[in-house]
Each structure stands twice: as C-alpha cells, then as structure tokens.
Amino acid sequence: MKKLFFVLFSLASFYASAQSLPNIQKTSIRSPVNIKIDGKATEWDGRFQAYNKATDIYYTLSNDDENIYFTIQAKYHDISDKILRGGISLIINHTLNKKDGEHIIVAYPVYSASGQSDVTNMLARKENAKRDVNGADVAVDDLNKVLDANSKTIRLSGIKDITDKEISVYNEEGIKAAAQFDKQLWYTYELAIPIKYLALPNNGADAFGYNIKINEPEDVHPSRADGPPPPPMIMTSIAVTDFWGEYTLAKK
C-alpha cells in the first residue's frame, strides 16, 4: 500500500511539475559552481527550466565563463528507449538564423549495434521486472554499468578546431557527456561544450539559436535497412522529434 501511494504521489508531482514549466526555456542562467557531468541532476535539485511537449523531456541550458551545459531528463520509458536507440543531437547556431550554414552538432550517445542492443535489452528487462512480480529484478546499478560501458563515443560536426568526426568521452578537447538512470528509472543526460568552439558573435553577448533533436535509430530508416519499412505506428514512435530555442550567455 505504501509503495502504491509513493508511485501515485510521484506521478502527481511529475504531472504538476510538467504543467507548471514553459515549453521552451525562457531565461539564461548561470550553471551551479559545483556542476559535474556525471549523468546525475543533483546540482539542480530536480528542478528544470522547461518541459518540452514535442520531445517529452525536461531540460535546462546553462553556462559559466568557460562552457555551455545541457541537462535533460526523460521520465517516460518510451522516450528513454528512443534516446538510447537514436541519441540526441544538440545543434548550436552562431546566430538566430535557423538556416545558419556554420552550425555545430554534438550527438550523444553513439552506440555500436551490439552496444545499443545490450543497453535497450537491459532496460526492457528492468521495465518488465517492474510489471511482473515473478520476474527477475534488474538492479539499476547493473543497468548503469551496461549503459556506461557502451556510452563512450561523442559525434561532432562543424567544430573547426576538431577534425575528428567521433571522439571518446575521455577526450582532451573538453567536451564532456554522461548519462545515467536513477532509482525511479528516469534517464538523465548531461553535456558540456567549451564556449570557445561555438564562435559566437559579439563575444557571446548576442542571442543564438539552438535545436534539440531526438534522432531516429539508424537501423530502422527505409533507406538504410533491408526489407519493407516498419508499420506507420512504429515509424511514428521512432520518428525524429525536435524543437528550437534561443539563448544568450548568462553573465555574472
């Protein structure tokens, strides 16, 4: 009974929080001084700047003097699964022009086919165990170990100072990314990009546009897979979802 009450209370709090937040982040904010890219949103005390209905994610965009930080949280299994299969692309323009030809793209996570299968299968096992009292439970720590072991690659485009298209999360360029599931099976994703790579006009004093995109899995696109395309319902669930916003670097 206590467990049921906790679940109902958590759902009520979740919906109330989502309804009270804007669809797109409205203000620029400084990052907490103790911010750490570890896949945990503890620095934010569970509070986010927006809840986007197109992508079903909570998110916060912030910055300090050196980096811009992107933190998201997905609380629906279907959204977490979609992110694991296709990754998230953060596109940053130099201006407010959505057709900016010199934008940069940072995509994470990037999996091998076997790595993606390992992570999504483990997540499915965890979800099934929640629904089946006779099912073998999967520890969140074990799920995160599999997630961490396979989330080692960041894909880049448009950064002139970095010629590699893919880099390790342990890179020397200062681009950081991490993701973890918490005990409620909410997926938190964090990304840090040095501002020096963005080439923002007017030393970052002017607003610039950003696009957050949950990608489709590469192995389901009709042009990249053998056989007929998936049914329309499946294609809808895996189709690209995204939104645009504007941001100005927050000053001290």
Foldseek 3Di string as FASTA:
>chain_A
DVVVVVVVVVVVVVVVLQVVAAQFQDAEAAQPPPDDFAADPVSVVPDARHQHPLLRKGWHWYYDLWKIKIKIKHLDLLSVLLCLQFWKKKWWALAADPVRPQIKIKTDQDFDPVLSVQLSVLSVLQVVCVVDVPRDHDDQVNSQVSVVVGRFKMAMDRQPVDPDRIDGCPDPQPWHKYWGADPSRMIMIMIIDTPVRGPHPPSQQHKIKMKMKRAARPAQDPVRHPDDHDDPVVCVSRHMTMDMDMYGHDYD
